[in-house]
Amino acid sequence: MAGNNVSHSKVRTKRRFLPNLQPARVLEGGRLVRVTLCTRCMRTAAKAPR
């Protein structure tokens, strides 16, 4: 996603919004696998078993 940095003088320069990626271990097929997930996906995965 893209947007603007806006300085105190209101000068706009382009910036990027990047996902918050974190290393995580996930149960996949009965075994733990290391994957890189965004924090929103980690929250959703934590809610899934309920």
PDB file of N, CA and C in Angstrom:
ATOM      1  N   MET A   1       0.841  -1.163   0.000  1.00  0.00           N
ATOM      2  CA  MET A   1       0.000   0.000   0.000  1.00  0.00           C
ATOM      3  C   MET A   1       0.899   1.244   0.000  1.00  0.00           C
ATOM      4  N   ALA A   2       0.473   2.299  -0.625  1.00  0.00           N
ATOM      5  CA  ALA A   2       1.280   3.518  -0.704  1.00  0.00           C
ATOM      6  C   ALA A   2       0.504   4.690  -0.120  1.00  0.00           C
ATOM      7  N   GLY A   3       1.260   5.714   0.262  1.00  0.00           N
ATOM      8  CA  GLY A   3       0.643   6.913   0.803  1.00  0.00           C
ATOM      9  C   GLY A   3       1.646   8.045   0.803  1.00  0.00           C
ATOM     10  N   ASN A   4       1.441   9.012   1.662  1.00  0.00           N
ATOM     11  CA  ASN A   4       2.318  10.174   1.725  1.00  0.00           C
ATOM     12  C   ASN A   4       2.844  10.391   3.127  1.00  0.00           C
ATOM     13  N   ASN A   5       4.139  10.798   3.227  1.00  0.00           N
ATOM     14  CA  ASN A   5       4.653  11.413   4.444  1.00  0.00           C
ATOM     15  C   ASN A   5       4.281  12.883   4.341  1.00  0.00           C
ATOM     16  N   VAL A   6       3.773  13.462   5.411  1.00  0.00           N
ATOM     17  CA  VAL A   6       3.421  14.878   5.388  1.00  0.00           C
ATOM     18  C   VAL A   6       4.237  15.572   6.476  1.00  0.00           C
ATOM     19  N   SER A   7       5.118  16.485   6.049  1.00  0.00           N
ATOM     20  CA  SER A   7       5.979  17.191   6.990  1.00  0.00           C
ATOM     21  C   SER A   7       5.205  18.330   7.654  1.00  0.00           C
ATOM     22  N   HIS A   8       5.879  18.987   8.583  1.00  0.00           N
ATOM     23  CA  HIS A   8       5.270  20.111   9.291  1.00  0.00           C
ATOM     24  C   HIS A   8       4.873  21.230   8.321  1.00  0.00           C
ATOM     25  N   SER A   9       5.657  21.373   7.227  1.00  0.00           N
ATOM     26  CA  SER A   9       5.347  22.402   6.223  1.00  0.00           C
ATOM     27  C   SER A   9       4.351  21.897   5.176  1.00  0.00           C
ATOM     28  N   LYS A  10       3.773  20.742   5.412  1.00  0.00           N
ATOM     29  CA  LYS A  10       2.757  20.123   4.545  1.00  0.00           C
ATOM     30  C   LYS A  10       3.304  19.670   3.182  1.00  0.00           C
ATOM     31  N   VAL A  11       4.625  19.487   3.070  1.00  0.00           N
ATOM     32  CA  VAL A  11       5.220  18.945   1.847  1.00  0.00           C
ATOM     33  C   VAL A  11       4.975  17.440   1.844  1.00  0.00           C
ATOM     34  N   ARG A  12       4.428  16.931   0.768  1.00  0.00           N
ATOM     35  CA  ARG A  12       4.094  15.511   0.692  1.00  0.00           C
ATOM     36  C   ARG A  12       5.135  14.752  -0.122  1.00  0.00           C
ATOM     37  N   THR A  13       5.641  13.654   0.451  1.00  0.00           N
ATOM     38  CA  THR A  13       6.548  12.761  -0.263  1.00  0.00           C
ATOM     39  C   THR A  13       5.983  11.352  -0.168  1.00  0.00           C
ATOM     40  N   LYS A  14       6.237  10.537  -1.180  1.00  0.00           N
ATOM     41  CA  LYS A  14       5.654   9.190  -1.223  1.00  0.00           C
ATOM     42  C   LYS A  14       6.289   8.288  -0.173  1.00  0.00           C
ATOM     43  N   ARG A  15       5.504   7.377   0.370  1.00  0.00           N
ATOM     44  CA  ARG A  15       5.992   6.359   1.296  1.00  0.00           C
ATOM     45  C   ARG A  15       5.221   5.079   1.069  1.00  0.00           C
ATOM     46  N   ARG A  16       5.724   3.990   1.621  1.00  0.00           N
ATOM     47  CA  ARG A  16       5.046   2.699   1.498  1.00  0.00           C
ATOM     48  C   ARG A  16       4.636   2.202   2.878  1.00  0.00           C
ATOM     49  N   PHE A  17       3.475   1.576   2.947  1.00  0.00           N
ATOM     50  CA  PHE A  17       3.025   0.904   4.155  1.00  0.00           C
ATOM     51  C   PHE A  17       3.266  -0.579   3.941  1.00  0.00           C
ATOM     52  N   LEU A  18       4.168  -1.171   4.726  1.00  0.00           N
ATOM     53  CA  LEU A  18       4.527  -2.575   4.570  1.00  0.00           C
ATOM     54  C   LEU A  18       3.861  -3.406   5.656  1.00  0.00           C
ATOM     55  N   PRO A  19       3.547  -4.673   5.359  1.00  0.00           N
ATOM     56  CA  PRO A  19       2.946  -5.537   6.376  1.00  0.00           C
ATOM     57  C   PRO A  19       3.938  -5.835   7.497  1.00  0.00           C
ATOM     58  N   ASN A  20       3.422  -6.024   8.696  1.00  0.00           N
ATOM     59  CA  ASN A  20       4.246  -6.332   9.865  1.00  0.00           C
ATOM     60  C   ASN A  20       4.493  -7.835   9.891  1.00  0.00           C
ATOM     61  N   LEU A  21       5.574  -8.289   9.236  1.00  0.00           N
ATOM     62  CA  LEU A  21       5.874  -9.711   9.103  1.00  0.00           C
ATOM     63  C   LEU A  21       6.739 -10.185  10.264  1.00  0.00           C
ATOM     64  N   GLN A  22       6.371 -11.340  10.820  1.00  0.00           N
ATOM     65  CA  GLN A  22       7.092 -11.926  11.940  1.00  0.00           C
ATOM     66  C   GLN A  22       7.292 -13.417  11.694  1.00  0.00           C
ATOM     67  N   PRO A  23       8.444 -13.976  12.122  1.00  0.00           N
ATOM     68  CA  PRO A  23       8.619 -15.426  12.028  1.00  0.00           C
ATOM     69  C   PRO A  23       7.714 -16.113  13.058  1.00  0.00           C
ATOM     70  N   ALA A  24       7.131 -17.233  12.682  1.00  0.00           N
ATOM     71  CA  ALA A  24       6.238 -17.949  13.598  1.00  0.00           C
ATOM     72  C   ALA A  24       6.298 -19.434  13.305  1.00  0.00           C
ATOM     73  N   ARG A  25       5.908 -20.224  14.292  1.00  0.00           N
ATOM     74  CA  ARG A  25       5.792 -21.673  14.110  1.00  0.00           C
ATOM     75  C   ARG A  25       4.319 -22.013  14.083  1.00  0.00           C
ATOM     76  N   VAL A  26       3.912 -22.772  13.053  1.00  0.00           N
ATOM     77  CA  VAL A  26       2.508 -23.104  12.847  1.00  0.00           C
ATOM     78  C   VAL A  26       2.370 -24.614  12.721  1.00  0.00           C
ATOM     79  N   LEU A  27       1.322 -25.154  13.337  1.00  0.00           N
ATOM     80  CA  LEU A  27       1.034 -26.576  13.179  1.00  0.00           C
ATOM     81  C   LEU A  27       0.471 -26.825  11.788  1.00  0.00           C
ATOM     82  N   GLU A  28       1.156 -27.663  11.022  1.00  0.00           N
ATOM     83  CA  GLU A  28       0.723 -27.968   9.666  1.00  0.00           C
ATOM     84  C   GLU A  28       0.853 -29.468   9.464  1.00  0.00           C
ATOM     85  N   GLY A  29      -0.262 -30.150   9.335  1.00  0.00           N
ATOM     86  CA  GLY A  29      -0.216 -31.600   9.157  1.00  0.00           C
ATOM     87  C   GLY A  29       0.338 -32.331  10.368  1.00  0.00           C
ATOM     88  N   GLY A  30       0.114 -31.788  11.563  1.00  0.00           N
ATOM     89  CA  GLY A  30       0.555 -32.448  12.782  1.00  0.00           C
ATOM     90  C   GLY A  30       1.988 -32.141  13.184  1.00  0.00           C
ATOM     91  N   ARG A  31       2.685 -31.274  12.451  1.00  0.00           N
ATOM     92  CA  ARG A  31       4.052 -30.921  12.838  1.00  0.00           C
ATOM     93  C   ARG A  31       4.246 -29.405  12.749  1.00  0.00           C
ATOM     94  N   LEU A  32       5.199 -28.906  13.550  1.00  0.00           N
ATOM     95  CA  LEU A  32       5.470 -27.472  13.571  1.00  0.00           C
ATOM     96  C   LEU A  32       6.321 -27.073  12.368  1.00  0.00           C
ATOM     97  N   VAL A  33       5.909 -26.015  11.682  1.00  0.00           N
ATOM     98  CA  VAL A  33       6.625 -25.502  10.512  1.00  0.00           C
ATOM     99  C   VAL A  33       6.898 -24.021  10.738  1.00  0.00           C
ATOM    100  N   ARG A  34       8.133 -23.589  10.424  1.00  0.00           N
ATOM    101  CA  ARG A  34       8.466 -22.163  10.547  1.00  0.00           C
ATOM    102  C   ARG A  34       7.979 -21.426   9.312  1.00  0.00           C
ATOM    103  N   VAL A  35       7.184 -20.373   9.525  1.00  0.00           N
ATOM    104  CA  VAL A  35       6.656 -19.566   8.432  1.00  0.00           C
ATOM    105  C   VAL A  35       6.784 -18.089   8.803  1.00  0.00           C
ATOM    106  N   THR A  36       6.638 -17.228   7.817  1.00  0.00           N
ATOM    107  CA  THR A  36       6.610 -15.783   8.054  1.00  0.00           C
ATOM    108  C   THR A  36       5.177 -15.317   7.851  1.00  0.00           C
ATOM    109  N   LEU A  37       4.583 -14.762   8.916  1.00  0.00           N
ATOM    110  CA  LEU A  37       3.184 -14.328   8.890  1.00  0.00           C
ATOM    111  C   LEU A  37       3.078 -12.858   9.270  1.00  0.00           C
ATOM    112  N   CYS A  38       2.030 -12.202   8.758  1.00  0.00           N
ATOM    113  CA  CYS A  38       1.739 -10.865   9.246  1.00  0.00           C
ATOM    114  C   CYS A  38       1.038 -11.018  10.599  1.00  0.00           C
ATOM    115  N   THR A  39       1.127  -9.989  11.433  1.00  0.00           N
ATOM    116  CA  THR A  39       0.569 -10.083  12.782  1.00  0.00           C
ATOM    117  C   THR A  39      -0.950 -10.234  12.754  1.00  0.00           C
ATOM    118  N   ARG A  40      -1.611  -9.691  11.760  1.00  0.00           N
ATOM    119  CA  ARG A  40      -3.068  -9.850  11.646  1.00  0.00           C
ATOM    120  C   ARG A  40      -3.406 -11.318  11.397  1.00  0.00           C
ATOM    121  N   CYS A  41      -2.611 -12.002  10.573  1.00  0.00           N
ATOM    122  CA  CYS A  41      -2.836 -13.428  10.303  1.00  0.00           C
ATOM    123  C   CYS A  41      -2.592 -14.257  11.560  1.00  0.00           C
ATOM    124  N   MET A  42      -1.616 -13.847  12.366  1.00  0.00           N
ATOM    125  CA  MET A  42      -1.329 -14.569  13.610  1.00  0.00           C
ATOM    126  C   MET A  42      -2.518 -14.451  14.568  1.00  0.00           C
ATOM    127  N   ARG A  43      -3.118 -13.268  14.651  1.00  0.00           N
ATOM    128  CA  ARG A  43      -4.291 -13.081  15.504  1.00  0.00           C
ATOM    129  C   ARG A  43      -5.451 -13.943  15.024  1.00  0.00           C
ATOM    130  N   THR A  44      -5.676 -13.967  13.695  1.00  0.00           N
ATOM    131  CA  THR A  44      -6.763 -14.749  13.123  1.00  0.00           C
ATOM    132  C   THR A  44      -6.536 -16.238  13.381  1.00  0.00           C
ATOM    133  N   ALA A  45      -5.289 -16.698  13.212  1.00  0.00           N
ATOM    134  CA  ALA A  45      -4.959 -18.110  13.436  1.00  0.00           C
ATOM    135  C   ALA A  45      -5.185 -18.504  14.905  1.00  0.00           C
ATOM    136  N   ALA A  46      -4.911 -17.587  15.821  1.00  0.00           N
ATOM    137  CA  ALA A  46      -5.101 -17.864  17.241  1.00  0.00           C
ATOM    138  C   ALA A  46      -6.580 -18.016  17.582  1.00  0.00           C
ATOM    139  N   LYS A  47      -7.456 -17.353  16.821  1.00  0.00           N
ATOM    140  CA  LYS A  47      -8.884 -17.415  17.082  1.00  0.00           C
ATOM    141  C   LYS A  47      -9.543 -18.644  16.429  1.00  0.00           C
ATOM    142  N   ALA A  48      -8.886 -19.244  15.440  1.00  0.00           N
ATOM    143  CA  ALA A  48      -9.481 -20.311  14.638  1.00  0.00           C
ATOM    144  C   ALA A  48      -9.984 -21.518  15.451  1.00  0.00           C
ATOM    145  N   PRO A  49      -9.205 -22.052  16.429  1.00  0.00           N
ATOM    146  CA  PRO A  49      -9.673 -23.260  17.136  1.00  0.00           C
ATOM    147  C   PRO A  49     -10.917 -23.050  17.988  1.00  0.00           C
ATOM    148  N   ARG A  50     -11.234 -21.805  18.314  1.00  0.00           N
ATOM    149  CA  ARG A  50     -12.359 -21.533  19.214  1.00  0.00           C
ATOM    150  C   ARG A  50     -13.690 -21.726  18.543  1.00  0.00           C
TER     151      ARG A  50
END
